[in-house]
Amino acid sequence: MDRYQLCEALRAAGVPDAHYEIPGCPGGHPPLEGYYLAQREGEWIVGVHERGRREALETFADESRACAWLYERLTDESSPPARPTATEMDEMLHDSEGIERRAQEQLEQALTESRRGTRGDPPNGGH
């Protein structure tokens, strides 16, 4: 598979153009965040573009293997959940105190459980 076939396959699979940037693949503007495919010095690089930075994830000697790897990542059913909707983002922003409180409670619970497990003490005082 080459990058043009990859574009067609991703569209057929219903992957939004906004999730990837592939040279020669029409689809508008490059995504602010998502995967990218690039060719550099005879190698094919697949990486992520996030928060204005690009990070290479894998390097391949040939275009076909790079395209197959990227296709697998973008069509994987266990990929991370979709970004929150505008309404969900608004709710999160307005309930930041509640979110912070729940996060602190979860951290404290995890630390307590961790301390129990690292001491080697059985629960309930060993009785």
C-alpha atoms as a PDB file:
ATOM      1  CA  MET A   1       0.000   0.000   0.000  1.00  0.00           C
ATOM      2  CA  ASP A   2       1.310   3.460  -0.810  1.00  0.00           C
ATOM      3  CA  ARG A   3       0.243   6.756   0.772  1.00  0.00           C
ATOM      4  CA  TYR A   4      -2.443   7.394  -1.858  1.00  0.00           C
ATOM      5  CA  GLN A   5      -3.990   3.974  -1.280  1.00  0.00           C
ATOM      6  CA  LEU A   6      -3.732   4.631   2.462  1.00  0.00           C
ATOM      7  CA  CYS A   7      -5.782   7.829   2.049  1.00  0.00           C
ATOM      8  CA  GLU A   8      -8.472   5.926   0.160  1.00  0.00           C
ATOM      9  CA  ALA A   9      -8.488   3.088   2.704  1.00  0.00           C
ATOM     10  CA  LEU A  10      -8.773   5.486   5.650  1.00  0.00           C
ATOM     11  CA  ARG A  11     -11.681   7.301   4.033  1.00  0.00           C
ATOM     12  CA  ALA A  12     -13.386   3.983   3.255  1.00  0.00           C
ATOM     13  CA  ALA A  13     -12.931   3.002   6.918  1.00  0.00           C
ATOM     14  CA  GLY A  14     -14.562   6.265   8.021  1.00  0.00           C
ATOM     15  CA  VAL A  15     -11.473   7.775   9.668  1.00  0.00           C
ATOM     16  CA  PRO A  16     -11.891  11.581   9.673  1.00  0.00           C
ATOM     17  CA  ASP A  17      -9.296  13.574   7.726  1.00  0.00           C
ATOM     18  CA  ALA A  18      -8.629  15.590  10.874  1.00  0.00           C
ATOM     19  CA  HIS A  19      -6.946  12.557  12.508  1.00  0.00           C
ATOM     20  CA  TYR A  20      -3.987  12.370  10.134  1.00  0.00           C
ATOM     21  CA  GLU A  21      -1.624  14.219   7.836  1.00  0.00           C
ATOM     22  CA  ILE A  22      -0.313  12.348   4.805  1.00  0.00           C
ATOM     23  CA  PRO A  23       1.685  13.981   1.982  1.00  0.00           C
ATOM     24  CA  GLY A  24      -0.370  14.191  -1.201  1.00  0.00           C
ATOM     25  CA  CYS A  25      -3.575  13.247   0.582  1.00  0.00           C
ATOM     26  CA  PRO A  26      -6.203  15.909   0.045  1.00  0.00           C
ATOM     27  CA  GLY A  27      -8.198  16.844   3.079  1.00  0.00           C
ATOM     28  CA  GLY A  28      -7.679  20.439   3.945  1.00  0.00           C
ATOM     29  CA  HIS A  29      -5.483  21.727   6.709  1.00  0.00           C
ATOM     30  CA  PRO A  30      -3.052  19.556   8.662  1.00  0.00           C
ATOM     31  CA  PRO A  31      -4.503  18.489  12.014  1.00  0.00           C
ATOM     32  CA  LEU A  32      -3.555  20.286  15.194  1.00  0.00           C
ATOM     33  CA  GLU A  33      -3.237  16.879  16.814  1.00  0.00           C
ATOM     34  CA  GLY A  34      -3.061  13.470  15.210  1.00  0.00           C
ATOM     35  CA  TYR A  35      -0.812  11.105  13.297  1.00  0.00           C
ATOM     36  CA  TYR A  36       1.483  12.111  10.486  1.00  0.00           C
ATOM     37  CA  LEU A  37       3.430  10.307   7.777  1.00  0.00           C
ATOM     38  CA  ALA A  38       6.645  11.819   6.421  1.00  0.00           C
ATOM     39  CA  GLN A  39       9.543  10.800   4.224  1.00  0.00           C
ATOM     40  CA  ARG A  40      13.011  11.883   5.298  1.00  0.00           C
ATOM     41  CA  GLU A  41      16.395  10.797   4.022  1.00  0.00           C
ATOM     42  CA  GLY A  42      15.010   7.670   2.369  1.00  0.00           C
ATOM     43  CA  GLU A  43      13.026   6.557   5.415  1.00  0.00           C
ATOM     44  CA  TRP A  44       9.325   6.734   6.211  1.00  0.00           C
ATOM     45  CA  ILE A  45       8.419   8.151   9.583  1.00  0.00           C
ATOM     46  CA  VAL A  46       5.099   7.789  11.371  1.00  0.00           C
ATOM     47  CA  GLY A  47       4.515   9.950  14.395  1.00  0.00           C
ATOM     48  CA  VAL A  48       2.129  12.132  16.293  1.00  0.00           C
ATOM     49  CA  HIS A  49       1.594  15.861  16.134  1.00  0.00           C
ATOM     50  CA  GLU A  50       0.467  17.128  19.496  1.00  0.00           C
ATOM     51  CA  ARG A  51       0.502  20.556  21.112  1.00  0.00           C
ATOM     52  CA  GLY A  52       2.547  22.018  18.299  1.00  0.00           C
ATOM     53  CA  ARG A  53       5.248  19.340  18.509  1.00  0.00           C
ATOM     54  CA  ARG A  54       5.970  16.357  16.310  1.00  0.00           C
ATOM     55  CA  GLU A  55       7.206  13.140  17.828  1.00  0.00           C
ATOM     56  CA  ALA A  56       8.331  10.217  15.678  1.00  0.00           C
ATOM     57  CA  LEU A  57       6.882   6.903  16.824  1.00  0.00           C
ATOM     58  CA  GLU A  58       8.234   4.484  14.215  1.00  0.00           C
ATOM     59  CA  THR A  59      10.646   4.585  11.282  1.00  0.00           C
ATOM     60  CA  PHE A  60      10.351   2.280   8.276  1.00  0.00           C
ATOM     61  CA  ALA A  61      12.590   1.506   5.321  1.00  0.00           C
ATOM     62  CA  ASP A  62       9.655   1.367   2.930  1.00  0.00           C
ATOM     63  CA  GLU A  63       6.427   3.253   2.364  1.00  0.00           C
ATOM     64  CA  SER A  64       4.236   0.147   2.347  1.00  0.00           C
ATOM     65  CA  ARG A  65       5.139  -0.915   5.891  1.00  0.00           C
ATOM     66  CA  ALA A  66       4.761   2.634   7.200  1.00  0.00           C
ATOM     67  CA  CYS A  67       1.313   2.925   5.608  1.00  0.00           C
ATOM     68  CA  ALA A  68       0.197  -0.445   6.983  1.00  0.00           C
ATOM     69  CA  TRP A  69       1.342   0.531  10.484  1.00  0.00           C
ATOM     70  CA  LEU A  70      -0.469   3.868  10.315  1.00  0.00           C
ATOM     71  CA  TYR A  71      -3.636   2.268   8.938  1.00  0.00           C
ATOM     72  CA  GLU A  72      -3.657  -0.209  11.815  1.00  0.00           C
ATOM     73  CA  ARG A  73      -3.334   2.558  14.409  1.00  0.00           C
ATOM     74  CA  LEU A  74      -6.031   4.741  12.886  1.00  0.00           C
ATOM     75  CA  THR A  75      -8.554   1.922  12.491  1.00  0.00           C
ATOM     76  CA  ASP A  76      -7.878   0.140  15.784  1.00  0.00           C
ATOM     77  CA  GLU A  77     -11.173  -0.279  17.633  1.00  0.00           C
ATOM     78  CA  SER A  78      -9.440   0.171  20.984  1.00  0.00           C
ATOM     79  CA  SER A  79      -8.099   3.623  20.139  1.00  0.00           C
ATOM     80  CA  PRO A  80      -8.596   6.407  22.676  1.00  0.00           C
ATOM     81  CA  PRO A  81     -12.067   7.889  23.009  1.00  0.00           C
ATOM     82  CA  ALA A  82     -13.085  10.817  20.866  1.00  0.00           C
ATOM     83  CA  ARG A  83     -12.430  14.332  22.019  1.00  0.00           C
ATOM     84  CA  PRO A  84     -15.093  15.820  24.284  1.00  0.00           C
ATOM     85  CA  THR A  85     -17.862  17.793  22.633  1.00  0.00           C
ATOM     86  CA  ALA A  86     -18.131  21.541  23.185  1.00  0.00           C
ATOM     87  CA  THR A  87     -20.868  20.930  25.776  1.00  0.00           C
ATOM     88  CA  GLU A  88     -18.742  18.367  27.633  1.00  0.00           C
ATOM     89  CA  MET A  89     -15.759  20.735  27.597  1.00  0.00           C
ATOM     90  CA  ASP A  90     -17.937  23.523  28.971  1.00  0.00           C
ATOM     91  CA  GLU A  91     -19.158  21.258  31.789  1.00  0.00           C
ATOM     92  CA  MET A  92     -15.591  20.252  32.651  1.00  0.00           C
ATOM     93  CA  LEU A  93     -14.410  23.847  32.706  1.00  0.00           C
ATOM     94  CA  HIS A  94     -17.236  24.946  34.979  1.00  0.00           C
ATOM     95  CA  ASP A  95     -16.823  22.021  37.379  1.00  0.00           C
ATOM     96  CA  SER A  96     -13.047  22.222  37.716  1.00  0.00           C
ATOM     97  CA  GLU A  97     -13.273  22.247  41.523  1.00  0.00           C
ATOM     98  CA  GLY A  98     -15.293  19.027  41.504  1.00  0.00           C
ATOM     99  CA  ILE A  99     -12.890  17.398  39.090  1.00  0.00           C
ATOM    100  CA  GLU A 100      -9.909  18.468  41.184  1.00  0.00           C
ATOM    101  CA  ARG A 101     -11.573  17.172  44.362  1.00  0.00           C
ATOM    102  CA  ARG A 102     -12.330  13.779  42.782  1.00  0.00           C
ATOM    103  CA  ALA A 103      -8.782  13.535  41.417  1.00  0.00           C
ATOM    104  CA  GLN A 104      -7.341  14.283  44.856  1.00  0.00           C
ATOM    105  CA  GLU A 105      -9.585  11.624  46.432  1.00  0.00           C
ATOM    106  CA  GLN A 106      -8.494   9.077  43.831  1.00  0.00           C
ATOM    107  CA  LEU A 107      -4.838   9.943  44.397  1.00  0.00           C
ATOM    108  CA  GLU A 108      -5.177   9.575  48.152  1.00  0.00           C
ATOM    109  CA  GLN A 109      -6.935   6.228  47.738  1.00  0.00           C
ATOM    110  CA  ALA A 110      -4.233   4.980  45.346  1.00  0.00           C
ATOM    111  CA  LEU A 111      -1.465   6.091  47.713  1.00  0.00           C
ATOM    112  CA  THR A 112      -3.156   4.359  50.650  1.00  0.00           C
ATOM    113  CA  GLU A 113      -3.494   1.137  48.660  1.00  0.00           C
ATOM    114  CA  SER A 114       0.093   1.443  47.464  1.00  0.00           C
ATOM    115  CA  ARG A 115       1.401   1.883  51.006  1.00  0.00           C
ATOM    116  CA  ARG A 116      -0.513  -1.186  52.123  1.00  0.00           C
ATOM    117  CA  GLY A 117       0.940  -3.255  49.314  1.00  0.00           C
ATOM    118  CA  THR A 118       4.539  -2.087  49.676  1.00  0.00           C
ATOM    119  CA  ARG A 119       4.802  -2.734  53.409  1.00  0.00           C
ATOM    120  CA  GLY A 120       4.021  -6.395  52.960  1.00  0.00           C
ATOM    121  CA  ASP A 121       1.494  -6.216  55.797  1.00  0.00           C
ATOM    122  CA  PRO A 122      -1.587  -8.305  55.198  1.00  0.00           C
ATOM    123  CA  PRO A 123      -4.877  -6.404  55.382  1.00  0.00           C
ATOM    124  CA  ASN A 124      -6.640  -6.277  58.765  1.00  0.00           C
ATOM    125  CA  GLY A 125      -3.412  -6.478  60.760  1.00  0.00           C
ATOM    126  CA  GLY A 126      -2.612 -10.052  59.733  1.00  0.00           C
ATOM    127  CA  HIS A 127      -5.523 -11.641  61.590  1.00  0.00           C
END
